[in-house]
């Protein structure tokens, strides 16, 4: 049985009785973060007005159970489906950032009939290269040996731009150092074996939004442009003044882009 996920559940129609309620929005965080990554979106009253927003902690992250070993993306996707079943949510709009975007793509592969709109932020669909697999496994081993802080110190200014608000930098660093190394390592091993989602994107016909920070080094703008070109019904937004986490670095702009997209997906 999948571990019960911790989650935030805000706004909207929770009993499903309102025929006018908008589709729920499900937010999937990246690695090595937790659901507080979505704090500016969860706090935006214009996003949650009439729309239910669910933001879980993935297994191994935040307040959700830690399962050592290897966590494939398919396990994360099945956890999401189980949580939404528990919450009585059938169809929804799905948004994921970085690893969360790859989990969102896996959700589209496993239960496409439930996903009515898709947001892919600072992510990419390609399978891992041989060098990439070795690097992810080595990083997993490093996290178990050293803990999260040395890694967090090293990658902070790739996660958020060096010019980002100091409070945002502190929030991101705090999420990374609070993550359990066992959970983070399990996810890294699972991502090392992820499938190729490029062909899948060409078959996703629901409205899609692709967002990327202009200064993102992990998933540069060219990756977002390729996803935008592959998706049949997609809009692309490049967020200036942001790196890998534009939802935190430029929350007003990100929320505005998201609200405009959601207005298309009732």
Protein backbone atom coordinates (compact mmCIF):
# COMPACT_ATOMS: atom_id res chain seq x y z
CA UNK A 1 0.00 0.00 0.00
CA UNK A 2 1.26 3.47 -0.87
CA UNK A 3 2.24 5.61 2.12
CA UNK A 4 -0.32 8.23 3.04
CA UNK A 5 0.97 11.55 1.81
CA UNK A 6 0.95 14.78 3.79
CA UNK A 7 -0.73 17.51 1.79
CA UNK A 8 -2.19 21.01 1.67
CA UNK A 9 -5.82 21.28 0.54
CA UNK A 10 -7.18 24.78 -0.06
CA UNK A 11 -10.15 26.55 -1.59
CA UNK A 12 -12.84 25.32 -3.92
CA UNK A 13 -15.54 22.68 -3.64
CA UNK A 14 -14.54 19.75 -1.44
CA UNK A 15 -17.71 17.68 -1.60
CA UNK A 16 -18.16 17.81 -5.37
CA UNK A 17 -21.74 19.09 -5.13
CA UNK A 18 -21.22 22.36 -7.02
CA UNK A 19 -21.61 21.97 -10.76
CA UNK A 20 -19.96 25.37 -11.29
CA UNK A 21 -16.78 24.58 -9.37
CA UNK A 22 -13.58 24.77 -11.39
CA UNK A 23 -11.40 21.72 -11.86
CA UNK A 24 -9.05 21.12 -8.93
CA UNK A 25 -5.41 22.08 -9.38
CA UNK A 26 -2.79 19.58 -8.21
CA UNK A 27 0.74 20.91 -7.59
CA UNK A 28 3.72 18.51 -7.59
CA UNK A 29 6.95 19.83 -6.10
CA UNK A 30 10.48 19.16 -7.29
CA UNK A 31 13.59 17.62 -5.73
CA UNK A 32 14.72 18.07 -3.00
CA UNK A 33 11.84 20.23 -1.80
CA UNK A 34 8.40 19.85 -0.21
CA UNK A 35 4.93 21.28 -0.65
CA UNK A 36 5.98 24.64 0.82
CA UNK A 37 7.68 25.20 -2.53
CA UNK A 38 4.18 26.20 -3.68
CA UNK A 39 3.56 28.66 -0.81
CA UNK A 40 3.06 31.72 -3.08
CA UNK A 41 0.52 29.82 -5.17
CA UNK A 42 -1.34 28.38 -2.18
CA UNK A 43 -1.51 31.85 -0.61
CA UNK A 44 -2.92 33.55 -3.73
CA UNK A 45 -6.66 34.08 -3.14
CA UNK A 46 -7.25 34.60 -6.86
CA UNK A 47 -5.97 31.10 -7.58
CA UNK A 48 -7.99 29.35 -4.87
CA UNK A 49 -11.23 31.33 -5.35
CA UNK A 50 -13.69 28.70 -6.56
CA UNK A 51 -10.92 26.21 -7.24
CA UNK A 52 -9.60 23.47 -4.98
CA UNK A 53 -5.79 23.30 -4.82
CA UNK A 54 -4.01 20.20 -3.53
CA UNK A 55 -0.25 20.20 -2.94
CA UNK A 56 1.17 16.95 -1.52
CA UNK A 57 4.54 16.16 -0.04
CA UNK A 58 5.90 13.36 -2.23
CA UNK A 59 6.98 10.19 -0.46
CA UNK A 60 10.41 10.77 1.05
CA UNK A 61 9.90 14.53 1.28
CA UNK A 62 8.42 16.96 3.78
CA UNK A 63 6.05 15.32 6.24
CA UNK A 64 5.32 12.26 4.08
CA UNK A 65 6.76 8.84 4.94
CA UNK A 66 10.33 8.07 3.93
CA UNK A 67 10.79 4.83 1.98
CA UNK A 68 14.49 3.97 1.43
CA UNK A 69 15.81 2.23 -1.65
CA UNK A 70 14.62 3.33 -5.09
CA UNK A 71 11.47 5.31 -5.87
CA UNK A 72 10.62 5.23 -9.60
CA UNK A 73 8.56 8.03 -11.07
CA UNK A 74 5.72 5.55 -11.54
CA UNK A 75 5.51 5.04 -7.77
CA UNK A 76 5.23 8.79 -7.23
CA UNK A 77 2.48 8.93 -9.86
CA UNK A 78 0.57 6.07 -8.23
CA UNK A 79 0.85 7.84 -4.86
CA UNK A 80 -0.70 10.96 -6.40
CA UNK A 81 -3.55 8.94 -7.87
CA UNK A 82 -4.19 7.19 -4.55
CA UNK A 83 -4.26 10.50 -2.67
CA UNK A 84 -6.68 12.05 -5.15
CA UNK A 85 -8.89 8.97 -4.93
CA UNK A 86 -8.91 9.38 -1.16
CA UNK A 87 -9.87 13.05 -1.56
CA UNK A 88 -12.64 12.24 -4.03
CA UNK A 89 -10.98 14.05 -6.94
CA UNK A 90 -11.52 12.50 -10.35
CA UNK A 91 -10.38 14.93 -13.05
CA UNK A 92 -7.97 17.78 -12.40
CA UNK A 93 -5.40 20.19 -13.78
CA UNK A 94 -1.89 18.94 -13.04
CA UNK A 95 1.17 21.15 -12.52
CA UNK A 96 4.70 19.95 -11.82
CA UNK A 97 8.08 21.62 -11.58
CA UNK A 98 11.41 19.91 -12.36
CA UNK A 99 11.12 16.32 -11.06
CA UNK A 100 7.49 17.19 -10.37
CA UNK A 101 7.06 17.88 -14.07
CA UNK A 102 8.44 14.45 -14.92
CA UNK A 103 6.04 12.91 -12.40
CA UNK A 104 3.24 14.87 -14.09
CA UNK A 105 4.26 13.37 -17.43
CA UNK A 106 4.20 9.92 -15.85
CA UNK A 107 0.69 10.66 -14.56
CA UNK A 108 -0.32 11.51 -18.13
CA UNK A 109 1.09 8.17 -19.24
CA UNK A 110 -0.69 6.17 -16.54
CA UNK A 111 -4.07 7.88 -16.23
CA UNK A 112 -4.45 10.42 -19.06
CA UNK A 113 -8.25 10.42 -18.77
CA UNK A 114 -8.01 12.24 -15.42
CA UNK A 115 -5.69 15.06 -16.52
CA UNK A 116 -7.67 17.90 -18.08
CA UNK A 117 -4.86 20.44 -18.22
CA UNK A 118 -1.10 20.24 -17.79
CA UNK A 119 1.52 22.70 -16.52
CA UNK A 120 5.17 21.77 -17.03
CA UNK A 121 7.60 24.14 -15.31
CA UNK A 122 11.39 23.99 -15.56
CA UNK A 123 11.46 20.33 -16.55
CA UNK A 124 12.32 18.15 -19.54
CA UNK A 125 11.05 14.87 -21.04
CA UNK A 126 14.27 13.17 -22.15
CA UNK A 127 15.47 9.89 -20.64
CA UNK A 128 18.65 9.91 -18.60
CA UNK A 129 21.97 9.53 -20.39
CA UNK A 130 24.50 6.91 -19.21
CA UNK A 131 26.61 9.67 -17.67
CA UNK A 132 23.51 11.15 -16.08
CA UNK A 133 22.55 7.81 -14.54
CA UNK A 134 25.99 7.47 -13.01
CA UNK A 135 25.86 11.04 -11.71
CA UNK A 136 22.44 10.62 -10.08
CA UNK A 137 23.51 7.40 -8.38
CA UNK A 138 26.72 9.03 -7.17
CA UNK A 139 24.75 11.97 -5.80
CA UNK A 140 22.42 9.55 -4.01
CA UNK A 141 25.41 7.90 -2.37
CA UNK A 142 26.83 11.31 -1.46
CA UNK A 143 23.61 12.43 0.23
CA UNK A 144 23.57 9.28 2.35
CA UNK A 145 27.21 9.75 3.31
CA UNK A 146 27.28 13.53 3.89
CA UNK A 147 23.69 14.55 4.57
CA UNK A 148 21.87 17.29 2.70
CA UNK A 149 23.68 20.47 3.76
CA UNK A 150 26.85 20.23 1.60
CA UNK A 151 24.70 19.47 -1.45
CA UNK A 152 22.29 22.29 -0.61
CA UNK A 153 25.14 24.77 -0.21
CA UNK A 154 26.58 23.69 -3.56
CA UNK A 155 23.43 23.87 -5.70
CA UNK A 156 21.53 26.74 -4.07
CA UNK A 157 22.44 29.29 -6.73
CA UNK A 158 21.47 26.93 -9.51
CA UNK A 159 18.10 26.32 -7.91
CA UNK A 160 17.51 30.06 -7.51
CA UNK A 161 19.46 32.83 -9.15
CA UNK A 162 22.18 34.52 -7.06
CA UNK A 163 20.21 37.76 -7.41
CA UNK A 164 17.02 36.21 -5.94
CA UNK A 165 15.42 37.71 -2.86
CA UNK A 166 17.41 36.59 0.23
CA UNK A 167 14.20 35.32 1.86
CA UNK A 168 13.54 33.10 -1.16
CA UNK A 169 17.10 31.80 -1.08
CA UNK A 170 16.71 31.01 2.63
CA UNK A 171 13.41 29.20 2.02
CA UNK A 172 14.91 27.05 -0.73
CA UNK A 173 17.99 26.22 1.33
CA UNK A 174 15.78 25.36 4.31
CA UNK A 175 13.66 22.95 2.24
CA UNK A 176 16.75 21.20 0.90
CA UNK A 177 18.45 20.79 4.27
CA UNK A 178 15.22 19.57 5.89
CA UNK A 179 14.79 16.75 3.35
CA UNK A 180 15.59 13.24 4.55
CA UNK A 181 18.67 11.95 2.67
CA UNK A 182 17.08 8.49 2.35
CA UNK A 183 14.05 9.89 0.55
CA UNK A 184 16.10 12.15 -1.70
CA UNK A 185 18.49 9.32 -2.58
CA UNK A 186 15.62 6.97 -3.41
CA UNK A 187 14.14 9.56 -5.76
CA UNK A 188 17.48 10.17 -7.48
CA UNK A 189 17.91 6.46 -8.13
CA UNK A 190 14.40 6.30 -9.55
CA UNK A 191 14.94 9.31 -11.82
CA UNK A 192 18.08 7.69 -13.16
CA UNK A 193 15.85 5.01 -14.72
CA UNK A 194 13.05 7.27 -15.99
CA UNK A 195 11.45 6.57 -19.37
CA UNK A 196 11.49 8.78 -22.44
CA UNK A 197 8.45 11.07 -22.42
CA UNK A 198 9.13 12.87 -25.70
CA UNK A 199 6.73 10.82 -27.81
CA UNK A 200 4.12 10.96 -25.05
CA UNK A 201 4.05 14.76 -25.26
CA UNK A 202 2.89 14.60 -28.88
CA UNK A 203 -0.22 12.66 -27.72
CA UNK A 204 -1.24 15.02 -24.90
CA UNK A 205 -4.09 16.95 -26.47
CA UNK A 206 -5.38 18.80 -23.38
CA UNK A 207 -4.35 22.45 -22.96
CA UNK A 208 -0.78 22.71 -21.70
CA UNK A 209 1.37 25.47 -20.29
CA UNK A 210 5.18 25.37 -20.42
CA UNK A 211 7.01 27.76 -18.09
CA UNK A 212 10.74 28.23 -17.60
CA UNK A 213 13.03 30.69 -15.84
CA UNK A 214 15.16 32.61 -18.32
CA UNK A 215 18.34 31.86 -16.32
CA UNK A 216 17.59 28.20 -15.53
CA UNK A 217 20.80 26.15 -15.87
CA UNK A 218 19.22 22.77 -15.07
CA UNK A 219 16.46 22.98 -17.67
CA UNK A 220 17.36 25.80 -20.06
CA UNK A 221 14.93 27.65 -22.29
CA UNK A 222 15.72 25.40 -25.26
CA UNK A 223 14.25 22.43 -23.35
CA UNK A 224 11.04 24.36 -22.75
CA UNK A 225 10.90 25.37 -26.41
CA UNK A 226 11.21 21.72 -27.46
CA UNK A 227 8.36 20.68 -25.15
CA UNK A 228 6.23 23.54 -26.41
CA UNK A 229 6.84 22.42 -30.00
CA UNK A 230 5.95 18.80 -29.19
CA UNK A 231 2.69 19.46 -27.31
CA UNK A 232 -0.33 19.87 -29.65
CA UNK A 233 -2.02 22.62 -27.60
CA UNK A 234 0.58 24.50 -25.59
CA UNK A 235 1.58 28.00 -24.53
CA UNK A 236 5.16 28.91 -23.62
CA UNK A 237 6.21 31.56 -21.09
CA UNK A 238 9.82 32.46 -20.30
CA UNK A 239 10.05 34.21 -16.93
CA UNK A 240 12.76 36.85 -16.82
CA UNK A 241 14.69 37.37 -13.61
CA UNK A 242 14.37 33.74 -12.53
CA UNK A 243 16.35 30.51 -12.59
CA UNK A 244 14.99 27.03 -11.76
CA UNK A 245 12.15 28.09 -9.43
CA UNK A 246 10.24 30.94 -11.09
CA UNK A 247 7.16 30.22 -8.96
CA UNK A 248 9.19 31.35 -5.92
CA UNK A 249 11.53 33.85 -7.56
CA UNK A 250 8.83 35.71 -9.53
CA UNK A 251 5.58 34.63 -7.86
CA UNK A 252 3.39 37.48 -9.09
CA UNK A 253 4.34 36.86 -12.71
CA UNK A 254 4.10 33.08 -12.32
CA UNK A 255 0.68 33.30 -10.67
CA UNK A 256 -0.59 35.62 -13.36
CA UNK A 257 0.53 33.20 -16.08
CA UNK A 258 -1.07 30.32 -14.19
CA UNK A 259 -4.36 32.19 -13.68
CA UNK A 260 -4.55 33.02 -17.37
CA UNK A 261 -3.99 29.38 -18.26
CA UNK A 262 -6.55 28.10 -15.75
CA UNK A 263 -9.17 30.40 -17.22
CA UNK A 264 -8.94 28.23 -20.36
CA UNK A 265 -9.41 24.99 -18.43
CA UNK A 266 -12.69 25.14 -16.55
